[in-house]
Amino acid sequence: MHNKKSTFTTLKTYKPFHSMYDPCRPIGTKYYSTPPQLYMGFQPPNMQQFSPREALKKGTLWPAFWDYYENPYKVKKRDEE
């Protein structure tokens, strides 16, 4: 049994199986994102809302359902952090 404490994130990872007889090189780690609404059983009443202008920019009215997406495959340059 693992007692490894993990932090919650909507970005998940997995490593596809690679056989030693597979002629192609291994794919490596794959990433996928799960939306925040999967972790909320129901929408509670009186949730905080974005302003109409901000909601149009974010794509959702409720901050609890907004999830920033950063491309995990993008190679960061030396100057970026």
PDB file of N, CA and C in Angstrom:
ATOM      1  N   MET A   1       0.844  -1.178   0.000  1.00  0.00           N
ATOM      2  CA  MET A   1       0.000   0.000   0.000  1.00  0.00           C
ATOM      3  C   MET A   1       0.890   1.243   0.000  1.00  0.00           C
ATOM      4  N   HIS A   2       0.551   2.194  -0.833  1.00  0.00           N
ATOM      5  CA  HIS A   2       1.329   3.427  -0.919  1.00  0.00           C
ATOM      6  C   HIS A   2       0.796   4.460   0.060  1.00  0.00           C
ATOM      7  N   ASN A   3       1.672   5.064   0.800  1.00  0.00           N
ATOM      8  CA  ASN A   3       1.310   6.168   1.681  1.00  0.00           C
ATOM      9  C   ASN A   3       1.838   7.481   1.125  1.00  0.00           C
ATOM     10  N   LYS A   4       1.997   7.514  -0.176  1.00  0.00           N
ATOM     11  CA  LYS A   4       2.525   8.703  -0.828  1.00  0.00           C
ATOM     12  C   LYS A   4       1.460   9.793  -0.836  1.00  0.00           C
ATOM     13  N   LYS A   5       1.797  10.934  -0.265  1.00  0.00           N
ATOM     14  CA  LYS A   5       0.857  12.054  -0.232  1.00  0.00           C
ATOM     15  C   LYS A   5       0.964  12.816  -1.546  1.00  0.00           C
ATOM     16  N   SER A   6      -0.154  12.936  -2.246  1.00  0.00           N
ATOM     17  CA  SER A   6      -0.138  13.641  -3.522  1.00  0.00           C
ATOM     18  C   SER A   6      -1.011  14.886  -3.439  1.00  0.00           C
ATOM     19  N   THR A   7      -0.635  15.894  -4.175  1.00  0.00           N
ATOM     20  CA  THR A   7      -1.423  17.113  -4.224  1.00  0.00           C
ATOM     21  C   THR A   7      -2.426  16.991  -5.368  1.00  0.00           C
ATOM     22  N   PHE A   8      -3.559  17.636  -5.200  1.00  0.00           N
ATOM     23  CA  PHE A   8      -4.608  17.566  -6.214  1.00  0.00           C
ATOM     24  C   PHE A   8      -4.240  18.434  -7.409  1.00  0.00           C
ATOM     25  N   THR A   9      -4.463  17.890  -8.581  1.00  0.00           N
ATOM     26  CA  THR A   9      -4.262  18.633  -9.816  1.00  0.00           C
ATOM     27  C   THR A   9      -5.231  18.100 -10.868  1.00  0.00           C
ATOM     28  N   THR A  10      -5.649  18.962 -11.762  1.00  0.00           N
ATOM     29  CA  THR A  10      -6.512  18.509 -12.850  1.00  0.00           C
ATOM     30  C   THR A  10      -5.690  17.984 -14.018  1.00  0.00           C
ATOM     31  N   LEU A  11      -4.367  18.152 -13.980  1.00  0.00           N
ATOM     32  CA  LEU A  11      -3.484  17.630 -15.022  1.00  0.00           C
ATOM     33  C   LEU A  11      -2.995  16.252 -14.590  1.00  0.00           C
ATOM     34  N   LYS A  12      -3.328  15.244 -15.359  1.00  0.00           N
ATOM     35  CA  LYS A  12      -2.964  13.857 -15.054  1.00  0.00           C
ATOM     36  C   LYS A  12      -1.914  13.373 -16.044  1.00  0.00           C
ATOM     37  N   THR A  13      -1.163  12.353 -15.643  1.00  0.00           N
ATOM     38  CA  THR A  13      -0.126  11.792 -16.516  1.00  0.00           C
ATOM     39  C   THR A  13      -0.201  10.270 -16.507  1.00  0.00           C
ATOM     40  N   TYR A  14       0.319   9.675 -17.562  1.00  0.00           N
ATOM     41  CA  TYR A  14       0.489   8.225 -17.616  1.00  0.00           C
ATOM     42  C   TYR A  14       1.597   7.910 -18.610  1.00  0.00           C
ATOM     43  N   LYS A  15       2.179   6.728 -18.473  1.00  0.00           N
ATOM     44  CA  LYS A  15       3.209   6.269 -19.396  1.00  0.00           C
ATOM     45  C   LYS A  15       2.657   5.068 -20.160  1.00  0.00           C
ATOM     46  N   PRO A  16       2.519   5.175 -21.480  1.00  0.00           N
ATOM     47  CA  PRO A  16       2.033   4.034 -22.272  1.00  0.00           C
ATOM     48  C   PRO A  16       3.021   2.857 -22.192  1.00  0.00           C
ATOM     49  N   PHE A  17       2.471   1.658 -22.232  1.00  0.00           N
ATOM     50  CA  PHE A  17       3.312   0.464 -22.196  1.00  0.00           C
ATOM     51  C   PHE A  17       4.200   0.415 -23.427  1.00  0.00           C
ATOM     52  N   HIS A  18       5.445   0.024 -23.221  1.00  0.00           N
ATOM     53  CA  HIS A  18       6.382  -0.132 -24.328  1.00  0.00           C
ATOM     54  C   HIS A  18       7.071  -1.473 -24.174  1.00  0.00           C
ATOM     55  N   SER A  19       6.852  -2.355 -25.128  1.00  0.00           N
ATOM     56  CA  SER A  19       7.458  -3.686 -25.095  1.00  0.00           C
ATOM     57  C   SER A  19       8.922  -3.615 -25.513  1.00  0.00           C
ATOM     58  N   MET A  20       9.710  -4.536 -25.002  1.00  0.00           N
ATOM     59  CA  MET A  20      11.124  -4.564 -25.400  1.00  0.00           C
ATOM     60  C   MET A  20      11.266  -5.020 -26.852  1.00  0.00           C
ATOM     61  N   TYR A  21      10.195  -5.585 -27.426  1.00  0.00           N
ATOM     62  CA  TYR A  21      10.230  -6.023 -28.822  1.00  0.00           C
ATOM     63  C   TYR A  21       9.624  -5.001 -29.778  1.00  0.00           C
ATOM     64  N   ASP A  22       9.175  -3.889 -29.237  1.00  0.00           N
ATOM     65  CA  ASP A  22       8.578  -2.837 -30.060  1.00  0.00           C
ATOM     66  C   ASP A  22       9.687  -2.129 -30.843  1.00  0.00           C
ATOM     67  N   PRO A  23       9.582  -2.068 -32.187  1.00  0.00           N
ATOM     68  CA  PRO A  23      10.642  -1.448 -32.972  1.00  0.00           C
ATOM     69  C   PRO A  23      10.667   0.084 -32.859  1.00  0.00           C
ATOM     70  N   CYS A  24       9.571   0.685 -32.428  1.00  0.00           N
ATOM     71  CA  CYS A  24       9.529   2.146 -32.308  1.00  0.00           C
ATOM     72  C   CYS A  24      10.083   2.582 -30.956  1.00  0.00           C
ATOM     73  N   ARG A  25      10.576   3.794 -30.910  1.00  0.00           N
ATOM     74  CA  ARG A  25      11.091   4.294 -29.640  1.00  0.00           C
ATOM     75  C   ARG A  25       9.930   4.578 -28.689  1.00  0.00           C
ATOM     76  N   PRO A  26      10.165   4.566 -27.380  1.00  0.00           N
ATOM     77  CA  PRO A  26       9.085   4.806 -26.416  1.00  0.00           C
ATOM     78  C   PRO A  26       8.473   6.190 -26.576  1.00  0.00           C
ATOM     79  N   ILE A  27       7.181   6.275 -26.331  1.00  0.00           N
ATOM     80  CA  ILE A  27       6.467   7.546 -26.458  1.00  0.00           C
ATOM     81  C   ILE A  27       6.825   8.490 -25.327  1.00  0.00           C
ATOM     82  N   GLY A  28       6.979   7.971 -24.131  1.00  0.00           N
ATOM     83  CA  GLY A  28       7.261   8.811 -22.972  1.00  0.00           C
ATOM     84  C   GLY A  28       5.975   9.141 -22.236  1.00  0.00           C
ATOM     85  N   THR A  29       6.017  10.127 -21.413  1.00  0.00           N
ATOM     86  CA  THR A  29       4.867  10.497 -20.592  1.00  0.00           C
ATOM     87  C   THR A  29       3.831  11.254 -21.415  1.00  0.00           C
ATOM     88  N   LYS A  30       2.572  10.862 -21.254  1.00  0.00           N
ATOM     89  CA  LYS A  30       1.443  11.540 -21.909  1.00  0.00           C
ATOM     90  C   LYS A  30       0.676  12.302 -20.835  1.00  0.00           C
ATOM     91  N   TYR A  31       0.081  13.419 -21.215  1.00  0.00           N
ATOM     92  CA  TYR A  31      -0.654  14.272 -20.296  1.00  0.00           C
ATOM     93  C   TYR A  31      -2.093  14.446 -20.761  1.00  0.00           C
ATOM     94  N   TYR A  32      -3.007  14.582 -19.807  1.00  0.00           N
ATOM     95  CA  TYR A  32      -4.383  14.937 -20.131  1.00  0.00           C
ATOM     96  C   TYR A  32      -4.964  15.740 -18.976  1.00  0.00           C
ATOM     97  N   SER A  33      -5.916  16.569 -19.282  1.00  0.00           N
ATOM     98  CA  SER A  33      -6.519  17.448 -18.296  1.00  0.00           C
ATOM     99  C   SER A  33      -7.959  17.019 -18.024  1.00  0.00           C
ATOM    100  N   THR A  34      -8.338  17.040 -16.763  1.00  0.00           N
ATOM    101  CA  THR A  34      -9.716  16.722 -16.396  1.00  0.00           C
ATOM    102  C   THR A  34     -10.408  18.014 -15.963  1.00  0.00           C
ATOM    103  N   PRO A  35     -11.638  18.231 -16.403  1.00  0.00           N
ATOM    104  CA  PRO A  35     -12.329  19.475 -16.069  1.00  0.00           C
ATOM    105  C   PRO A  35     -12.762  19.522 -14.605  1.00  0.00           C
ATOM    106  N   PRO A  36     -12.781  20.712 -14.002  1.00  0.00           N
ATOM    107  CA  PRO A  36     -13.121  20.851 -12.580  1.00  0.00           C
ATOM    108  C   PRO A  36     -14.516  20.358 -12.220  1.00  0.00           C
ATOM    109  N   GLN A  37     -15.467  20.404 -13.138  1.00  0.00           N
ATOM    110  CA  GLN A  37     -16.835  19.996 -12.802  1.00  0.00           C
ATOM    111  C   GLN A  37     -16.933  18.493 -12.492  1.00  0.00           C
ATOM    112  N   LEU A  38     -15.928  17.708 -12.867  1.00  0.00           N
ATOM    113  CA  LEU A  38     -15.935  16.284 -12.533  1.00  0.00           C
ATOM    114  C   LEU A  38     -15.828  16.053 -11.029  1.00  0.00           C
ATOM    115  N   TYR A  39     -15.252  17.010 -10.324  1.00  0.00           N
ATOM    116  CA  TYR A  39     -15.000  16.847  -8.902  1.00  0.00           C
ATOM    117  C   TYR A  39     -16.041  17.540  -8.031  1.00  0.00           C
ATOM    118  N   MET A  40     -17.073  18.073  -8.646  1.00  0.00           N
ATOM    119  CA  MET A  40     -18.135  18.744  -7.905  1.00  0.00           C
ATOM    120  C   MET A  40     -19.421  17.953  -8.141  1.00  0.00           C
ATOM    121  N   GLY A  41     -20.008  17.440  -7.076  1.00  0.00           N
ATOM    122  CA  GLY A  41     -21.193  16.601  -7.207  1.00  0.00           C
ATOM    123  C   GLY A  41     -22.383  17.338  -7.788  1.00  0.00           C
ATOM    124  N   PHE A  42     -22.593  18.562  -7.357  1.00  0.00           N
ATOM    125  CA  PHE A  42     -23.698  19.375  -7.858  1.00  0.00           C
ATOM    126  C   PHE A  42     -23.276  20.831  -7.742  1.00  0.00           C
ATOM    127  N   GLN A  43     -23.984  21.670  -8.428  1.00  0.00           N
ATOM    128  CA  GLN A  43     -23.648  23.100  -8.388  1.00  0.00           C
ATOM    129  C   GLN A  43     -24.363  23.735  -7.199  1.00  0.00           C
ATOM    130  N   PRO A  44     -23.605  24.172  -6.197  1.00  0.00           N
ATOM    131  CA  PRO A  44     -24.236  24.770  -5.026  1.00  0.00           C
ATOM    132  C   PRO A  44     -24.900  26.111  -5.364  1.00  0.00           C
ATOM    133  N   PRO A  45     -25.923  26.491  -4.616  1.00  0.00           N
ATOM    134  CA  PRO A  45     -26.585  27.774  -4.873  1.00  0.00           C
ATOM    135  C   PRO A  45     -25.689  28.944  -4.462  1.00  0.00           C
ATOM    136  N   ASN A  46     -25.939  30.078  -5.079  1.00  0.00           N
ATOM    137  CA  ASN A  46     -25.239  31.341  -4.763  1.00  0.00           C
ATOM    138  C   ASN A  46     -23.727  31.262  -4.952  1.00  0.00           C
ATOM    139  N   MET A  47     -23.299  30.603  -6.018  1.00  0.00           N
ATOM    140  CA  MET A  47     -21.858  30.535  -6.297  1.00  0.00           C
ATOM    141  C   MET A  47     -21.361  31.895  -6.767  1.00  0.00           C
ATOM    142  N   GLN A  48     -20.113  32.188  -6.458  1.00  0.00           N
ATOM    143  CA  GLN A  48     -19.481  33.423  -6.917  1.00  0.00           C
ATOM    144  C   GLN A  48     -19.473  33.433  -8.449  1.00  0.00           C
ATOM    145  N   GLN A  49     -19.642  34.636  -9.045  1.00  0.00           N
ATOM    146  CA  GLN A  49     -19.674  34.744 -10.502  1.00  0.00           C
ATOM    147  C   GLN A  49     -18.669  35.778 -10.977  1.00  0.00           C
ATOM    148  N   PHE A  50     -18.143  35.537 -12.185  1.00  0.00           N
ATOM    149  CA  PHE A  50     -17.323  36.546 -12.854  1.00  0.00           C
ATOM    150  C   PHE A  50     -18.235  37.658 -13.347  1.00  0.00           C
ATOM    151  N   SER A  51     -17.660  38.814 -13.624  1.00  0.00           N
ATOM    152  CA  SER A  51     -18.421  39.867 -14.287  1.00  0.00           C
ATOM    153  C   SER A  51     -18.716  39.389 -15.712  1.00  0.00           C
ATOM    154  N   PRO A  52     -19.741  39.932 -16.367  1.00  0.00           N
ATOM    155  CA  PRO A  52     -20.049  39.472 -17.732  1.00  0.00           C
ATOM    156  C   PRO A  52     -18.863  39.562 -18.690  1.00  0.00           C
ATOM    157  N   ARG A  53     -18.096  40.632 -18.608  1.00  0.00           N
ATOM    158  CA  ARG A  53     -16.934  40.795 -19.502  1.00  0.00           C
ATOM    159  C   ARG A  53     -15.879  39.722 -19.213  1.00  0.00           C
ATOM    160  N   GLU A  54     -15.593  39.509 -17.932  1.00  0.00           N
ATOM    161  CA  GLU A  54     -14.598  38.498 -17.549  1.00  0.00           C
ATOM    162  C   GLU A  54     -15.091  37.096 -17.902  1.00  0.00           C
ATOM    163  N   ALA A  55     -16.385  36.846 -17.750  1.00  0.00           N
ATOM    164  CA  ALA A  55     -16.957  35.532 -18.079  1.00  0.00           C
ATOM    165  C   ALA A  55     -16.793  35.224 -19.570  1.00  0.00           C
ATOM    166  N   LEU A  56     -16.941  36.234 -20.421  1.00  0.00           N
ATOM    167  CA  LEU A  56     -16.739  36.018 -21.856  1.00  0.00           C
ATOM    168  C   LEU A  56     -15.286  35.688 -22.162  1.00  0.00           C
ATOM    169  N   LYS A  57     -14.360  36.310 -21.438  1.00  0.00           N
ATOM    170  CA  LYS A  57     -12.936  36.021 -21.640  1.00  0.00           C
ATOM    171  C   LYS A  57     -12.573  34.621 -21.163  1.00  0.00           C
ATOM    172  N   LYS A  58     -13.110  34.233 -20.009  1.00  0.00           N
ATOM    173  CA  LYS A  58     -12.770  32.944 -19.403  1.00  0.00           C
ATOM    174  C   LYS A  58     -13.542  31.773 -20.009  1.00  0.00           C
ATOM    175  N   GLY A  59     -14.731  32.040 -20.554  1.00  0.00           N
ATOM    176  CA  GLY A  59     -15.540  30.977 -21.138  1.00  0.00           C
ATOM    177  C   GLY A  59     -16.493  30.329 -20.158  1.00  0.00           C
ATOM    178  N   THR A  60     -16.585  30.870 -18.954  1.00  0.00           N
ATOM    179  CA  THR A  60     -17.518  30.349 -17.956  1.00  0.00           C
ATOM    180  C   THR A  60     -17.923  31.479 -17.016  1.00  0.00           C
ATOM    181  N   LEU A  61     -19.091  31.359 -16.445  1.00  0.00           N
ATOM    182  CA  LEU A  61     -19.592  32.383 -15.527  1.00  0.00           C
ATOM    183  C   LEU A  61     -19.057  32.178 -14.118  1.00  0.00           C
ATOM    184  N   TRP A  62     -18.740  30.939 -13.754  1.00  0.00           N
ATOM    185  CA  TRP A  62     -18.361  30.631 -12.375  1.00  0.00           C
ATOM    186  C   TRP A  62     -16.870  30.338 -12.252  1.00  0.00           C
ATOM    187  N   PRO A  63     -16.174  31.018 -11.342  1.00  0.00           N
ATOM    188  CA  PRO A  63     -14.741  30.762 -11.145  1.00  0.00           C
ATOM    189  C   PRO A  63     -14.423  29.316 -10.743  1.00  0.00           C
ATOM    190  N   ALA A  64     -15.344  28.653 -10.054  1.00  0.00           N
ATOM    191  CA  ALA A  64     -15.093  27.266  -9.636  1.00  0.00           C
ATOM    192  C   ALA A  64     -14.968  26.326 -10.836  1.00  0.00           C
ATOM    193  N   PHE A  65     -15.559  26.691 -11.972  1.00  0.00           N
ATOM    194  CA  PHE A  65     -15.506  25.839 -13.153  1.00  0.00           C
ATOM    195  C   PHE A  65     -14.433  26.268 -14.155  1.00  0.00           C
ATOM    196  N   TRP A  66     -13.723  27.333 -13.862  1.00  0.00           N
ATOM    197  CA  TRP A  66     -12.680  27.795 -14.766  1.00  0.00           C
ATOM    198  C   TRP A  66     -11.382  27.072 -14.455  1.00  0.00           C
ATOM    199  N   ASP A  67     -10.683  26.616 -15.476  1.00  0.00           N
ATOM    200  CA  ASP A  67      -9.425  25.903 -15.306  1.00  0.00           C
ATOM    201  C   ASP A  67      -8.433  26.426 -16.328  1.00  0.00           C
ATOM    202  N   TYR A  68      -7.333  26.969 -15.844  1.00  0.00           N
ATOM    203  CA  TYR A  68      -6.280  27.466 -16.727  1.00  0.00           C
ATOM    204  C   TYR A  68      -5.572  26.277 -17.364  1.00  0.00           C
ATOM    205  N   TYR A  69      -5.340  26.341 -18.653  1.00  0.00           N
ATOM    206  CA  TYR A  69      -4.643  25.263 -19.349  1.00  0.00           C
ATOM    207  C   TYR A  69      -3.279  25.750 -19.804  1.00  0.00           C
ATOM    208  N   GLU A  70      -2.257  25.042 -19.378  1.00  0.00           N
ATOM    209  CA  GLU A  70      -0.904  25.318 -19.846  1.00  0.00           C
ATOM    210  C   GLU A  70      -0.440  24.083 -20.600  1.00  0.00           C
ATOM    211  N   ASN A  71       0.040  24.264 -21.802  1.00  0.00           N
ATOM    212  CA  ASN A  71       0.451  23.149 -22.644  1.00  0.00           C
ATOM    213  C   ASN A  71       1.666  22.445 -22.024  1.00  0.00           C
ATOM    214  N   PRO A  72       1.510  21.185 -21.573  1.00  0.00           N
ATOM    215  CA  PRO A  72       2.633  20.492 -20.940  1.00  0.00           C
ATOM    216  C   PRO A  72       3.706  20.069 -21.931  1.00  0.00           C
ATOM    217  N   TYR A  73       3.386  20.053 -23.221  1.00  0.00           N
ATOM    218  CA  TYR A  73       4.356  19.644 -24.232  1.00  0.00           C
ATOM    219  C   TYR A  73       5.209  20.805 -24.733  1.00  0.00           C
ATOM    220  N   LYS A  74       4.812  22.025 -24.380  1.00  0.00           N
ATOM    221  CA  LYS A  74       5.564  23.191 -24.824  1.00  0.00           C
ATOM    222  C   LYS A  74       6.904  23.230 -24.102  1.00  0.00           C
ATOM    223  N   VAL A  75       7.966  23.365 -24.862  1.00  0.00           N
ATOM    224  CA  VAL A  75       9.296  23.429 -24.278  1.00  0.00           C
ATOM    225  C   VAL A  75       9.537  24.846 -23.782  1.00  0.00           C
ATOM    226  N   LYS A  76       9.868  24.949 -22.491  1.00  0.00           N
ATOM    227  CA  LYS A  76      10.141  26.275 -21.935  1.00  0.00           C
ATOM    228  C   LYS A  76      11.535  26.726 -22.341  1.00  0.00           C
ATOM    229  N   LYS A  77      11.622  27.997 -22.654  1.00  0.00           N
ATOM    230  CA  LYS A  77      12.912  28.569 -22.994  1.00  0.00           C
ATOM    231  C   LYS A  77      13.666  28.903 -21.718  1.00  0.00           C
ATOM    232  N   ARG A  78      14.934  29.131 -21.829  1.00  0.00           N
ATOM    233  CA  ARG A  78      15.774  29.394 -20.663  1.00  0.00           C
ATOM    234  C   ARG A  78      15.322  30.621 -19.892  1.00  0.00           C
ATOM    235  N   ASP A  79      14.806  31.645 -20.594  1.00  0.00           N
ATOM    236  CA  ASP A  79      14.410  32.893 -19.951  1.00  0.00           C
ATOM    237  C   ASP A  79      13.057  32.785 -19.236  1.00  0.00           C
ATOM    238  N   GLU A  80      12.207  31.844 -19.655  1.00  0.00           N
ATOM    239  CA  GLU A  80      10.861  31.714 -19.094  1.00  0.00           C
ATOM    240  C   GLU A  80      10.880  30.886 -17.814  1.00  0.00           C
ATOM    241  N   GLU A  81      10.016  31.279 -16.874  1.00  0.00           N
ATOM    242  CA  GLU A  81       9.809  30.466 -15.673  1.00  0.00           C
ATOM    243  C   GLU A  81       8.458  30.648 -15.137  1.00  0.00           C
TER     244      GLU A  81
END
